[in-house]
């Protein structure tokens, strides 16, 4: 039996795209800091990080697809925040962001970390952006780096 595990470390190509939604920027900025910290701790220098800003979470997949198609990146980390409101807007935005980012990962065979918070309240978002529930930006970056390593081993 063969067992292959990815470890969070700098991807072979060396570059990582951190794609961040400007909507709820206080939250997404904290997620970005968590992702940067993770990358640094796992051997990705700041000079190898590109931060790409989108207007909102809905636009993350298009930016991720363009970044993936460029061939410049060994991993992508998508960071956003969608807070449930009184209309079904939440369901569409969150669902399309997840679906689109998953499609980018599959179509380009590239690690895409999913750091899009889907929460009911701003308090829940703050808790997940460096508060009591940790930093999901850090976790998304760690997952992307480990998946990039796993994909590199499978090539």
N, C-alpha and C. Protein backbone atom coordinates (compact mmCIF):
# COMPACT_ATOMS: atom_id res chain seq x y z
N UNK A 1 0.84 -1.17 0.00
CA UNK A 1 0.00 0.00 0.00
C UNK A 1 0.89 1.24 0.00
N UNK A 2 0.57 2.18 -0.86
CA UNK A 2 1.27 3.46 -0.92
C UNK A 2 0.42 4.51 -0.25
N UNK A 3 1.06 5.34 0.53
CA UNK A 3 0.37 6.46 1.16
C UNK A 3 1.12 7.73 0.84
N UNK A 4 0.43 8.68 0.28
CA UNK A 4 1.04 9.96 -0.09
C UNK A 4 0.32 11.06 0.66
N UNK A 5 1.07 11.88 1.36
CA UNK A 5 0.49 13.01 2.10
C UNK A 5 1.18 14.30 1.67
N UNK A 6 0.36 15.30 1.47
CA UNK A 6 0.91 16.61 1.19
C UNK A 6 1.28 17.30 2.49
N UNK A 7 2.37 18.03 2.45
CA UNK A 7 2.79 18.82 3.61
C UNK A 7 2.73 20.30 3.25
N UNK A 8 2.30 21.13 4.18
CA UNK A 8 2.28 22.56 3.87
C UNK A 8 3.70 23.10 3.74
N UNK A 9 4.07 23.48 2.54
CA UNK A 9 5.37 24.08 2.26
C UNK A 9 5.28 24.86 0.97
N UNK A 10 6.31 25.62 0.69
CA UNK A 10 6.31 26.46 -0.51
C UNK A 10 6.13 25.59 -1.75
N UNK A 11 5.24 25.97 -2.66
CA UNK A 11 5.05 25.17 -3.87
C UNK A 11 6.27 25.23 -4.77
N UNK A 12 6.40 24.22 -5.61
CA UNK A 12 7.56 24.12 -6.50
C UNK A 12 7.73 25.37 -7.35
N UNK A 13 6.62 25.94 -7.82
CA UNK A 13 6.73 27.15 -8.63
C UNK A 13 7.11 28.35 -7.77
N UNK A 14 6.90 28.23 -6.47
CA UNK A 14 7.32 29.28 -5.55
C UNK A 14 6.32 30.38 -5.31
N UNK A 15 5.40 30.64 -6.23
CA UNK A 15 4.48 31.77 -6.08
C UNK A 15 3.11 31.30 -5.61
N UNK A 16 2.49 32.16 -4.79
CA UNK A 16 1.15 31.90 -4.28
C UNK A 16 0.30 33.15 -4.51
N UNK A 17 -0.89 32.95 -5.06
CA UNK A 17 -1.84 34.06 -5.25
C UNK A 17 -2.81 34.06 -4.07
N UNK A 18 -2.90 35.19 -3.39
CA UNK A 18 -3.89 35.39 -2.33
C UNK A 18 -4.95 36.31 -2.92
N UNK A 19 -6.12 35.76 -3.20
CA UNK A 19 -7.18 36.52 -3.86
C UNK A 19 -8.20 36.89 -2.79
N UNK A 20 -8.43 38.18 -2.61
CA UNK A 20 -9.18 38.68 -1.46
C UNK A 20 -10.34 39.56 -1.90
N UNK A 21 -11.50 39.31 -1.32
CA UNK A 21 -12.67 40.14 -1.56
C UNK A 21 -12.57 41.44 -0.76
N UNK A 22 -12.88 42.56 -1.38
CA UNK A 22 -12.89 43.85 -0.66
C UNK A 22 -14.16 44.01 0.18
N UNK A 23 -15.21 43.29 -0.16
CA UNK A 23 -16.45 43.39 0.61
C UNK A 23 -16.21 42.79 1.99
N UNK A 24 -16.62 43.50 3.02
CA UNK A 24 -16.32 43.13 4.42
C UNK A 24 -14.81 43.13 4.65
N UNK A 25 -14.15 44.21 4.20
CA UNK A 25 -12.69 44.26 4.20
C UNK A 25 -12.06 44.17 5.59
N UNK A 26 -12.74 44.60 6.62
CA UNK A 26 -12.16 44.42 7.96
C UNK A 26 -11.99 42.93 8.28
N UNK A 27 -12.94 42.14 7.85
CA UNK A 27 -12.87 40.69 8.06
C UNK A 27 -11.87 40.07 7.10
N UNK A 28 -11.99 40.38 5.80
CA UNK A 28 -11.10 39.75 4.82
C UNK A 28 -9.64 40.18 5.01
N UNK A 29 -9.43 41.39 5.51
CA UNK A 29 -8.07 41.83 5.80
C UNK A 29 -7.44 40.98 6.89
N UNK A 30 -8.23 40.61 7.89
CA UNK A 30 -7.73 39.73 8.95
C UNK A 30 -7.46 38.33 8.41
N UNK A 31 -8.32 37.86 7.50
CA UNK A 31 -8.07 36.56 6.86
C UNK A 31 -6.78 36.61 6.05
N UNK A 32 -6.57 37.72 5.35
CA UNK A 32 -5.34 37.90 4.57
C UNK A 32 -4.11 37.84 5.46
N UNK A 33 -4.16 38.52 6.60
CA UNK A 33 -3.01 38.48 7.51
C UNK A 33 -2.74 37.06 7.99
N UNK A 34 -3.80 36.30 8.26
CA UNK A 34 -3.63 34.90 8.65
C UNK A 34 -2.99 34.08 7.55
N UNK A 35 -3.43 34.29 6.30
CA UNK A 35 -2.87 33.55 5.17
C UNK A 35 -1.40 33.92 4.96
N UNK A 36 -1.08 35.20 5.07
CA UNK A 36 0.33 35.62 4.94
C UNK A 36 1.20 34.97 6.01
N UNK A 37 0.69 34.97 7.24
CA UNK A 37 1.45 34.37 8.35
C UNK A 37 1.69 32.89 8.09
N UNK A 38 0.68 32.18 7.64
CA UNK A 38 0.83 30.77 7.32
C UNK A 38 1.88 30.56 6.25
N UNK A 39 1.81 31.33 5.18
CA UNK A 39 2.78 31.18 4.10
C UNK A 39 4.20 31.41 4.60
N UNK A 40 4.40 32.46 5.38
CA UNK A 40 5.73 32.74 5.94
C UNK A 40 6.22 31.56 6.78
N UNK A 41 5.34 31.06 7.65
CA UNK A 41 5.72 29.95 8.55
C UNK A 41 6.07 28.67 7.80
N UNK A 42 5.57 28.55 6.57
CA UNK A 42 5.83 27.34 5.79
C UNK A 42 6.77 27.58 4.62
N UNK A 43 7.58 28.63 4.71
CA UNK A 43 8.67 28.82 3.76
C UNK A 43 8.37 29.62 2.51
N UNK A 44 7.21 30.26 2.45
CA UNK A 44 6.91 31.11 1.28
C UNK A 44 7.24 32.55 1.67
N UNK A 45 8.27 33.14 1.04
CA UNK A 45 8.61 34.53 1.39
C UNK A 45 7.55 35.51 0.90
N UNK A 46 7.47 36.65 1.56
CA UNK A 46 6.51 37.68 1.17
C UNK A 46 6.66 38.07 -0.30
N UNK A 47 7.88 38.07 -0.81
CA UNK A 47 8.12 38.44 -2.20
C UNK A 47 7.49 37.46 -3.18
N UNK A 48 7.13 36.25 -2.73
CA UNK A 48 6.51 35.24 -3.59
C UNK A 48 4.99 35.23 -3.48
N UNK A 49 4.44 36.21 -2.75
CA UNK A 49 2.99 36.32 -2.58
C UNK A 49 2.46 37.46 -3.44
N UNK A 50 1.43 37.18 -4.19
CA UNK A 50 0.73 38.23 -4.94
C UNK A 50 -0.66 38.35 -4.33
N UNK A 51 -1.05 39.55 -3.93
CA UNK A 51 -2.36 39.79 -3.37
C UNK A 51 -3.21 40.45 -4.45
N UNK A 52 -4.30 39.79 -4.80
CA UNK A 52 -5.20 40.25 -5.85
C UNK A 52 -6.56 40.53 -5.20
N UNK A 53 -7.07 41.74 -5.38
CA UNK A 53 -8.32 42.15 -4.74
C UNK A 53 -9.48 42.10 -5.72
N UNK A 54 -10.59 41.53 -5.30
CA UNK A 54 -11.82 41.52 -6.10
C UNK A 54 -12.86 42.37 -5.37
N UNK A 55 -13.90 42.82 -6.08
CA UNK A 55 -14.94 43.60 -5.41
C UNK A 55 -15.68 42.80 -4.33
N UNK A 56 -15.97 41.54 -4.61
CA UNK A 56 -16.73 40.72 -3.66
C UNK A 56 -16.39 39.26 -3.80
N UNK A 57 -17.09 38.42 -3.04
CA UNK A 57 -16.85 36.98 -3.07
C UNK A 57 -17.28 36.36 -4.39
N UNK A 58 -18.33 36.90 -5.00
CA UNK A 58 -18.82 36.36 -6.26
C UNK A 58 -17.76 36.41 -7.35
N UNK A 59 -16.88 37.40 -7.30
CA UNK A 59 -15.85 37.59 -8.31
C UNK A 59 -14.58 36.76 -8.06
N UNK A 60 -14.49 36.11 -6.92
CA UNK A 60 -13.29 35.32 -6.61
C UNK A 60 -13.01 34.23 -7.65
N UNK A 61 -14.02 33.45 -8.10
CA UNK A 61 -13.71 32.41 -9.08
C UNK A 61 -13.13 32.93 -10.40
N UNK A 62 -13.63 34.05 -10.89
CA UNK A 62 -13.09 34.59 -12.14
C UNK A 62 -11.63 34.99 -11.98
N UNK A 63 -11.31 35.63 -10.87
CA UNK A 63 -9.92 36.01 -10.62
C UNK A 63 -9.05 34.77 -10.43
N UNK A 64 -9.58 33.77 -9.73
CA UNK A 64 -8.82 32.53 -9.53
C UNK A 64 -8.58 31.82 -10.86
N UNK A 65 -9.58 31.81 -11.73
CA UNK A 65 -9.41 31.17 -13.04
C UNK A 65 -8.32 31.88 -13.86
N UNK A 66 -8.32 33.21 -13.82
CA UNK A 66 -7.30 33.96 -14.56
C UNK A 66 -5.91 33.72 -13.97
N UNK A 67 -5.83 33.69 -12.65
CA UNK A 67 -4.54 33.43 -11.99
C UNK A 67 -4.05 32.02 -12.34
N UNK A 68 -4.95 31.05 -12.30
CA UNK A 68 -4.58 29.68 -12.63
C UNK A 68 -4.11 29.57 -14.08
N UNK A 69 -4.83 30.20 -14.98
CA UNK A 69 -4.49 30.14 -16.41
C UNK A 69 -3.16 30.81 -16.72
N UNK A 70 -2.74 31.72 -15.87
CA UNK A 70 -1.47 32.42 -16.11
C UNK A 70 -0.27 31.49 -15.97
N UNK A 71 -0.41 30.41 -15.23
CA UNK A 71 0.70 29.49 -15.01
C UNK A 71 1.74 29.98 -14.03
N UNK A 72 1.48 31.12 -13.38
CA UNK A 72 2.47 31.71 -12.47
C UNK A 72 2.44 31.12 -11.07
N UNK A 73 1.36 30.43 -10.71
CA UNK A 73 1.15 30.09 -9.31
C UNK A 73 1.12 28.59 -9.05
N UNK A 74 1.72 28.22 -7.94
CA UNK A 74 1.68 26.84 -7.49
C UNK A 74 0.51 26.59 -6.57
N UNK A 75 -0.09 27.67 -6.07
CA UNK A 75 -1.26 27.56 -5.21
C UNK A 75 -2.00 28.89 -5.21
N UNK A 76 -3.30 28.79 -4.96
CA UNK A 76 -4.17 29.96 -4.86
C UNK A 76 -4.93 29.85 -3.55
N UNK A 77 -5.09 30.98 -2.87
CA UNK A 77 -5.91 31.03 -1.66
C UNK A 77 -6.97 32.10 -1.88
N UNK A 78 -8.23 31.71 -1.83
CA UNK A 78 -9.35 32.64 -2.02
C UNK A 78 -9.93 33.00 -0.66
N UNK A 79 -10.04 34.31 -0.40
CA UNK A 79 -10.50 34.79 0.90
C UNK A 79 -11.67 35.74 0.73
N UNK A 80 -12.75 35.47 1.44
CA UNK A 80 -13.93 36.32 1.35
C UNK A 80 -14.82 36.12 2.55
N UNK A 81 -15.90 36.87 2.58
CA UNK A 81 -16.85 36.79 3.68
C UNK A 81 -18.24 37.09 3.16
N UNK A 82 -19.15 36.16 3.37
CA UNK A 82 -20.54 36.34 2.98
C UNK A 82 -21.38 36.19 4.24
N UNK A 83 -22.08 37.25 4.61
CA UNK A 83 -22.89 37.24 5.83
C UNK A 83 -24.36 37.16 5.42
N UNK A 84 -25.05 36.22 6.02
CA UNK A 84 -26.47 36.01 5.69
C UNK A 84 -27.27 37.26 6.00
N UNK A 85 -28.15 37.60 5.09
CA UNK A 85 -29.04 38.75 5.28
C UNK A 85 -30.48 38.29 5.25
N UNK A 86 -31.35 39.20 4.89
CA UNK A 86 -32.78 38.89 4.89
C UNK A 86 -33.28 38.36 3.54
N UNK A 87 -32.40 38.29 2.54
CA UNK A 87 -32.80 37.82 1.22
C UNK A 87 -31.98 36.59 0.85
N UNK A 88 -32.34 35.90 -0.21
CA UNK A 88 -31.58 34.71 -0.63
C UNK A 88 -30.24 35.04 -1.29
N UNK A 89 -29.87 36.31 -1.34
CA UNK A 89 -28.60 36.73 -1.94
C UNK A 89 -27.42 35.91 -1.39
N UNK A 90 -27.42 35.67 -0.10
CA UNK A 90 -26.37 34.89 0.57
C UNK A 90 -26.18 33.54 -0.11
N UNK A 91 -27.28 32.83 -0.34
CA UNK A 91 -27.19 31.49 -0.91
C UNK A 91 -26.57 31.50 -2.30
N UNK A 92 -26.94 32.49 -3.10
CA UNK A 92 -26.39 32.56 -4.45
C UNK A 92 -24.91 32.91 -4.44
N UNK A 93 -24.55 33.91 -3.69
CA UNK A 93 -23.14 34.35 -3.66
C UNK A 93 -22.25 33.26 -3.07
N UNK A 94 -22.62 32.73 -1.92
CA UNK A 94 -21.80 31.70 -1.27
C UNK A 94 -21.71 30.45 -2.14
N UNK A 95 -22.84 30.04 -2.69
CA UNK A 95 -22.86 28.83 -3.52
C UNK A 95 -22.03 28.97 -4.78
N UNK A 96 -22.16 30.09 -5.45
CA UNK A 96 -21.40 30.30 -6.69
C UNK A 96 -19.91 30.47 -6.42
N UNK A 97 -19.56 31.10 -5.32
CA UNK A 97 -18.15 31.23 -4.97
C UNK A 97 -17.55 29.84 -4.75
N UNK A 98 -18.23 29.02 -3.97
CA UNK A 98 -17.73 27.67 -3.69
C UNK A 98 -17.66 26.84 -4.97
N UNK A 99 -18.73 26.86 -5.74
CA UNK A 99 -18.79 26.08 -6.98
C UNK A 99 -17.70 26.53 -7.96
N UNK A 100 -17.56 27.83 -8.12
CA UNK A 100 -16.58 28.37 -9.06
C UNK A 100 -15.15 28.07 -8.66
N UNK A 101 -14.84 28.20 -7.38
CA UNK A 101 -13.47 27.92 -6.93
C UNK A 101 -13.15 26.43 -7.04
N UNK A 102 -14.13 25.59 -6.76
CA UNK A 102 -13.92 24.16 -6.95
C UNK A 102 -13.66 23.81 -8.40
N UNK A 103 -14.38 24.46 -9.30
CA UNK A 103 -14.18 24.23 -10.73
C UNK A 103 -12.79 24.65 -11.17
N UNK A 104 -12.31 25.76 -10.66
CA UNK A 104 -10.94 26.22 -11.00
C UNK A 104 -9.92 25.17 -10.56
N UNK A 105 -10.07 24.67 -9.35
CA UNK A 105 -9.12 23.67 -8.83
C UNK A 105 -9.12 22.42 -9.72
N UNK A 106 -10.30 21.95 -10.08
CA UNK A 106 -10.39 20.74 -10.89
C UNK A 106 -9.90 20.97 -12.32
N UNK A 107 -10.33 22.05 -12.94
CA UNK A 107 -9.98 22.28 -14.34
C UNK A 107 -8.50 22.55 -14.54
N UNK A 108 -7.89 23.22 -13.58
CA UNK A 108 -6.47 23.57 -13.72
C UNK A 108 -5.55 22.64 -12.94
N UNK A 109 -6.14 21.68 -12.21
CA UNK A 109 -5.36 20.77 -11.37
C UNK A 109 -4.38 21.55 -10.50
N UNK A 110 -4.96 22.51 -9.82
CA UNK A 110 -4.19 23.45 -9.01
C UNK A 110 -4.81 23.55 -7.63
N UNK A 111 -3.99 23.66 -6.63
CA UNK A 111 -4.48 23.80 -5.25
C UNK A 111 -5.16 25.16 -5.08
N UNK A 112 -6.41 25.13 -4.64
CA UNK A 112 -7.16 26.36 -4.37
C UNK A 112 -7.70 26.25 -2.95
N UNK A 113 -7.15 27.06 -2.04
CA UNK A 113 -7.63 27.06 -0.66
C UNK A 113 -8.91 27.86 -0.56
N UNK A 114 -9.91 27.30 0.13
CA UNK A 114 -11.21 27.95 0.26
C UNK A 114 -11.29 28.65 1.61
N UNK A 115 -11.08 29.95 1.59
CA UNK A 115 -11.14 30.76 2.80
C UNK A 115 -12.27 31.77 2.74
N UNK A 116 -13.42 31.31 2.26
CA UNK A 116 -14.59 32.18 2.17
C UNK A 116 -15.50 31.86 3.35
N UNK A 117 -15.61 32.79 4.26
CA UNK A 117 -16.50 32.60 5.40
C UNK A 117 -17.94 32.71 4.94
N UNK A 118 -18.77 31.80 5.39
CA UNK A 118 -20.21 31.85 5.13
C UNK A 118 -20.89 31.78 6.50
N UNK A 119 -21.28 32.93 7.00
CA UNK A 119 -21.72 33.03 8.39
C UNK A 119 -23.07 33.75 8.48
N UNK A 120 -23.68 33.62 9.65
CA UNK A 120 -24.96 34.28 9.90
C UNK A 120 -24.80 35.70 10.41
N UNK A 121 -23.69 35.98 11.12
CA UNK A 121 -23.53 37.29 11.74
C UNK A 121 -22.10 37.78 11.60
N UNK A 122 -21.95 39.09 11.77
CA UNK A 122 -20.61 39.67 11.75
C UNK A 122 -19.77 39.15 12.92
N UNK A 123 -20.41 38.90 14.05
CA UNK A 123 -19.69 38.36 15.21
C UNK A 123 -19.08 36.99 14.88
N UNK A 124 -19.82 36.16 14.17
CA UNK A 124 -19.29 34.86 13.75
C UNK A 124 -18.11 35.05 12.81
N UNK A 125 -18.20 36.03 11.93
CA UNK A 125 -17.11 36.30 11.00
C UNK A 125 -15.85 36.72 11.76
N UNK A 126 -16.01 37.64 12.71
CA UNK A 126 -14.85 38.09 13.49
C UNK A 126 -14.22 36.94 14.25
N UNK A 127 -15.04 36.05 14.78
CA UNK A 127 -14.52 34.90 15.52
C UNK A 127 -13.67 34.00 14.62
N UNK A 128 -13.99 33.94 13.34
CA UNK A 128 -13.28 33.07 12.40
C UNK A 128 -12.16 33.79 11.67
N UNK A 129 -12.01 35.07 11.92
CA UNK A 129 -10.96 35.87 11.26
C UNK A 129 -9.94 36.32 12.30
N UNK A 130 -9.54 35.39 13.15
CA UNK A 130 -8.52 35.69 14.15
C UNK A 130 -9.05 35.74 15.56
N UNK A 131 -10.33 35.46 15.76
CA UNK A 131 -10.92 35.48 17.10
C UNK A 131 -10.92 34.10 17.72
N UNK A 132 -11.94 33.83 18.50
CA UNK A 132 -12.04 32.60 19.28
C UNK A 132 -12.03 31.33 18.42
N UNK A 133 -12.49 31.41 17.20
CA UNK A 133 -12.54 30.24 16.32
C UNK A 133 -11.31 30.12 15.42
N UNK A 134 -10.26 30.88 15.71
CA UNK A 134 -9.03 30.81 14.92
C UNK A 134 -9.07 31.74 13.72
N UNK A 135 -8.20 31.47 12.77
CA UNK A 135 -8.14 32.29 11.55
C UNK A 135 -8.29 31.36 10.35
N UNK A 136 -9.44 31.43 9.72
CA UNK A 136 -9.72 30.56 8.59
C UNK A 136 -8.88 30.93 7.36
N UNK A 137 -8.33 32.14 7.31
CA UNK A 137 -7.39 32.50 6.25
C UNK A 137 -6.11 31.68 6.39
N UNK A 138 -5.64 31.54 7.61
CA UNK A 138 -4.46 30.72 7.88
C UNK A 138 -4.74 29.28 7.45
N UNK A 139 -5.89 28.77 7.86
CA UNK A 139 -6.25 27.38 7.55
C UNK A 139 -6.40 27.15 6.05
N UNK A 140 -6.96 28.10 5.33
CA UNK A 140 -7.12 27.96 3.89
C UNK A 140 -5.75 27.95 3.20
N UNK A 141 -4.84 28.79 3.66
CA UNK A 141 -3.49 28.81 3.08
C UNK A 141 -2.76 27.51 3.38
N UNK A 142 -2.91 27.01 4.59
CA UNK A 142 -2.26 25.75 4.96
C UNK A 142 -2.78 24.60 4.10
N UNK A 143 -4.09 24.57 3.87
CA UNK A 143 -4.69 23.54 3.02
C UNK A 143 -4.19 23.66 1.59
N UNK A 144 -4.10 24.88 1.08
CA UNK A 144 -3.63 25.08 -0.29
C UNK A 144 -2.18 24.64 -0.45
N UNK A 145 -1.33 24.98 0.51
CA UNK A 145 0.08 24.58 0.43
C UNK A 145 0.24 23.06 0.51
N UNK A 146 -0.53 22.42 1.39
CA UNK A 146 -0.45 20.96 1.52
C UNK A 146 -0.98 20.28 0.26
N UNK A 147 -2.04 20.81 -0.31
CA UNK A 147 -2.60 20.23 -1.53
C UNK A 147 -1.65 20.44 -2.71
N UNK A 148 -1.02 21.59 -2.79
CA UNK A 148 -0.03 21.83 -3.85
C UNK A 148 1.11 20.81 -3.76
N UNK A 149 1.55 20.52 -2.54
CA UNK A 149 2.61 19.53 -2.35
C UNK A 149 2.13 18.14 -2.78
N UNK A 150 0.91 17.79 -2.40
CA UNK A 150 0.36 16.49 -2.79
C UNK A 150 0.25 16.38 -4.30
N UNK A 151 -0.28 17.41 -4.96
CA UNK A 151 -0.39 17.39 -6.42
C UNK A 151 0.97 17.27 -7.08
N UNK A 152 1.97 17.95 -6.53
CA UNK A 152 3.34 17.86 -7.09
C UNK A 152 3.86 16.44 -6.98
N UNK A 153 3.58 15.77 -5.87
CA UNK A 153 4.03 14.38 -5.70
C UNK A 153 3.34 13.44 -6.67
N UNK A 154 2.11 13.75 -7.02
CA UNK A 154 1.35 12.88 -7.93
C UNK A 154 1.75 13.08 -9.40
N UNK A 155 2.43 14.17 -9.69
CA UNK A 155 2.82 14.43 -11.09
C UNK A 155 3.96 13.56 -11.45
